[in-house]
Amino acid sequence: MNQAVFLLFLCKFYRMMRVAFLSKTLLTALLLLSQNLLAQQPVQDGVDMADQLRADGKIWVVVVVIAAVFVGIIVYLVRLDRQLSKLEKEVKDKTNNFHKQAN
């Protein structure tokens, strides 16, 4: 009985992996083929807004704002990682204490 259940599980798992592989392959092929179709055409005259920002010297404001956003995201991720590490350590300690008390 156990062998039959195991074989059934293997068959279902194989089918699932085969479908996942085919769908991933199809998605990858579509992405690679559509890249040329959806690509923007080269700009002949340049981008007016970017040229105006450079001429006014305001492009540095844009650069500083983007840098500030990235720094904020990095700080947030570092703090979140530290908090998660702290919580993981607390859970691990509580689990170890529980197992010690059970023995």
C-alpha atoms as a PDB file:
ATOM      1  CA  MET A   1       0.000   0.000   0.000  1.00  0.00           C
ATOM      2  CA  ASN A   2       2.770   2.437   0.920  1.00  0.00           C
ATOM      3  CA  GLN A   3       4.587   1.746  -2.336  1.00  0.00           C
ATOM      4  CA  ALA A   4       1.455   2.510  -4.347  1.00  0.00           C
ATOM      5  CA  VAL A   5       0.966   5.818  -2.552  1.00  0.00           C
ATOM      6  CA  PHE A   6       4.627   6.674  -3.053  1.00  0.00           C
ATOM      7  CA  LEU A   7       4.451   5.855  -6.781  1.00  0.00           C
ATOM      8  CA  LEU A   8       1.297   7.948  -7.132  1.00  0.00           C
ATOM      9  CA  PHE A   9       3.065  10.826  -5.396  1.00  0.00           C
ATOM     10  CA  LEU A  10       6.070  10.483  -7.724  1.00  0.00           C
ATOM     11  CA  CYS A  11       3.835  10.502 -10.806  1.00  0.00           C
ATOM     12  CA  LYS A  12       2.004  13.633  -9.659  1.00  0.00           C
ATOM     13  CA  PHE A  13       5.285  15.316  -8.724  1.00  0.00           C
ATOM     14  CA  TYR A  14       6.787  14.460 -12.125  1.00  0.00           C
ATOM     15  CA  ARG A  15       3.770  15.887 -13.956  1.00  0.00           C
ATOM     16  CA  MET A  16       3.876  19.043 -11.855  1.00  0.00           C
ATOM     17  CA  MET A  17       7.610  19.547 -12.466  1.00  0.00           C
ATOM     18  CA  ARG A  18       7.195  18.899 -16.186  1.00  0.00           C
ATOM     19  CA  VAL A  19       4.400  21.474 -16.453  1.00  0.00           C
ATOM     20  CA  ALA A  20       6.420  23.972 -14.399  1.00  0.00           C
ATOM     21  CA  PHE A  21       9.466  23.448 -16.619  1.00  0.00           C
ATOM     22  CA  LEU A  22       7.433  23.838 -19.803  1.00  0.00           C
ATOM     23  CA  SER A  23       5.728  26.981 -18.542  1.00  0.00           C
ATOM     24  CA  LYS A  24       9.053  28.483 -17.461  1.00  0.00           C
ATOM     25  CA  THR A  25      10.600  27.616 -20.812  1.00  0.00           C
ATOM     26  CA  LEU A  26       7.667  29.105 -22.689  1.00  0.00           C
ATOM     27  CA  LEU A  27       7.727  32.273 -20.583  1.00  0.00           C
ATOM     28  CA  THR A  28      11.482  32.679 -21.092  1.00  0.00           C
ATOM     29  CA  ALA A  29      11.141  32.221 -24.843  1.00  0.00           C
ATOM     30  CA  LEU A  30       8.334  34.781 -25.026  1.00  0.00           C
ATOM     31  CA  LEU A  31      10.318  37.299 -23.018  1.00  0.00           C
ATOM     32  CA  LEU A  32      13.407  36.889 -25.167  1.00  0.00           C
ATOM     33  CA  LEU A  33      11.486  37.081 -28.426  1.00  0.00           C
ATOM     34  CA  SER A  34       9.345  40.051 -27.409  1.00  0.00           C
ATOM     35  CA  GLN A  35      12.330  42.120 -26.328  1.00  0.00           C
ATOM     36  CA  ASN A  36      12.995  43.333 -29.880  1.00  0.00           C
ATOM     37  CA  LEU A  37       9.329  44.041 -30.545  1.00  0.00           C
ATOM     38  CA  LEU A  38       8.795  46.152 -27.430  1.00  0.00           C
ATOM     39  CA  ALA A  39      12.118  47.983 -27.390  1.00  0.00           C
ATOM     40  CA  GLN A  40      11.982  51.744 -27.773  1.00  0.00           C
ATOM     41  CA  GLN A  41      13.273  53.354 -30.886  1.00  0.00           C
ATOM     42  CA  PRO A  42      16.476  55.401 -30.527  1.00  0.00           C
ATOM     43  CA  VAL A  43      15.919  59.097 -29.831  1.00  0.00           C
ATOM     44  CA  GLN A  44      17.340  61.365 -32.513  1.00  0.00           C
ATOM     45  CA  ASP A  45      17.086  64.761 -30.836  1.00  0.00           C
ATOM     46  CA  GLY A  46      17.577  63.729 -27.216  1.00  0.00           C
ATOM     47  CA  VAL A  47      15.106  64.007 -24.373  1.00  0.00           C
ATOM     48  CA  ASP A  48      13.903  67.580 -23.934  1.00  0.00           C
ATOM     49  CA  MET A  49      13.186  67.305 -20.204  1.00  0.00           C
ATOM     50  CA  ALA A  50      16.596  65.813 -19.403  1.00  0.00           C
ATOM     51  CA  ASP A  51      18.342  68.402 -21.573  1.00  0.00           C
ATOM     52  CA  GLN A  52      16.493  71.212 -19.799  1.00  0.00           C
ATOM     53  CA  LEU A  53      17.346  69.801 -16.352  1.00  0.00           C
ATOM     54  CA  ARG A  54      21.006  69.577 -17.328  1.00  0.00           C
ATOM     55  CA  ALA A  55      20.986  73.107 -18.700  1.00  0.00           C
ATOM     56  CA  ASP A  56      19.415  74.495 -15.504  1.00  0.00           C
ATOM     57  CA  GLY A  57      21.741  72.464 -13.272  1.00  0.00           C
ATOM     58  CA  LYS A  58      18.759  70.750 -11.644  1.00  0.00           C
ATOM     59  CA  ILE A  59      19.787  67.281 -12.732  1.00  0.00           C
ATOM     60  CA  TRP A  60      21.781  67.051  -9.496  1.00  0.00           C
ATOM     61  CA  VAL A  61      18.570  67.514  -7.517  1.00  0.00           C
ATOM     62  CA  VAL A  62      17.159  64.480  -9.294  1.00  0.00           C
ATOM     63  CA  VAL A  63      20.331  62.488  -8.603  1.00  0.00           C
ATOM     64  CA  VAL A  64      20.289  63.446  -4.899  1.00  0.00           C
ATOM     65  CA  VAL A  65      16.617  62.501  -4.522  1.00  0.00           C
ATOM     66  CA  ILE A  66      17.184  59.108  -6.169  1.00  0.00           C
ATOM     67  CA  ALA A  67      20.263  58.504  -4.000  1.00  0.00           C
ATOM     68  CA  ALA A  68      18.289  59.440  -0.868  1.00  0.00           C
ATOM     69  CA  VAL A  69      15.548  56.985  -1.778  1.00  0.00           C
ATOM     70  CA  PHE A  70      18.084  54.189  -2.308  1.00  0.00           C
ATOM     71  CA  VAL A  71      19.838  54.969   0.976  1.00  0.00           C
ATOM     72  CA  GLY A  72      16.474  54.921   2.742  1.00  0.00           C
ATOM     73  CA  ILE A  73      15.622  51.540   1.252  1.00  0.00           C
ATOM     74  CA  ILE A  74      19.024  50.122   2.264  1.00  0.00           C
ATOM     75  CA  VAL A  75      18.704  51.439   5.830  1.00  0.00           C
ATOM     76  CA  TYR A  76      15.204  50.003   6.087  1.00  0.00           C
ATOM     77  CA  LEU A  77      16.360  46.582   4.843  1.00  0.00           C
ATOM     78  CA  VAL A  78      19.328  46.508   7.245  1.00  0.00           C
ATOM     79  CA  ARG A  79      17.087  47.393  10.213  1.00  0.00           C
ATOM     80  CA  LEU A  80      14.538  44.801   9.152  1.00  0.00           C
ATOM     81  CA  ASP A  81      17.263  42.156   8.853  1.00  0.00           C
ATOM     82  CA  ARG A  82      18.519  42.938  12.357  1.00  0.00           C
ATOM     83  CA  GLN A  83      15.024  42.747  13.814  1.00  0.00           C
ATOM     84  CA  LEU A  84      14.363  39.432  12.076  1.00  0.00           C
ATOM     85  CA  SER A  85      17.668  38.031  13.300  1.00  0.00           C
ATOM     86  CA  LYS A  86      16.779  39.062  16.838  1.00  0.00           C
ATOM     87  CA  LEU A  87      13.347  37.425  16.597  1.00  0.00           C
ATOM     88  CA  GLU A  88      14.816  34.252  15.083  1.00  0.00           C
ATOM     89  CA  LYS A  89      17.300  34.052  17.938  1.00  0.00           C
ATOM     90  CA  GLU A  90      14.524  34.500  20.515  1.00  0.00           C
ATOM     91  CA  VAL A  91      12.424  31.764  18.920  1.00  0.00           C
ATOM     92  CA  LYS A  92      15.413  29.434  18.753  1.00  0.00           C
ATOM     93  CA  ASP A  93      16.233  30.083  22.420  1.00  0.00           C
ATOM     94  CA  LYS A  94      12.633  29.485  23.491  1.00  0.00           C
ATOM     95  CA  THR A  95      12.505  26.272  21.463  1.00  0.00           C
ATOM     96  CA  ASN A  96      15.756  25.045  23.020  1.00  0.00           C
ATOM     97  CA  ASN A  97      14.522  25.923  26.533  1.00  0.00           C
ATOM     98  CA  PHE A  98      11.237  24.113  25.877  1.00  0.00           C
ATOM     99  CA  HIS A  99      13.066  20.981  24.709  1.00  0.00           C
ATOM    100  CA  LYS A 100      15.398  21.099  27.718  1.00  0.00           C
ATOM    101  CA  GLN A 101      12.452  21.376  30.110  1.00  0.00           C
ATOM    102  CA  ALA A 102      10.639  18.517  28.360  1.00  0.00           C
ATOM    103  CA  ASN A 103      13.614  16.204  28.851  1.00  0.00           C
END
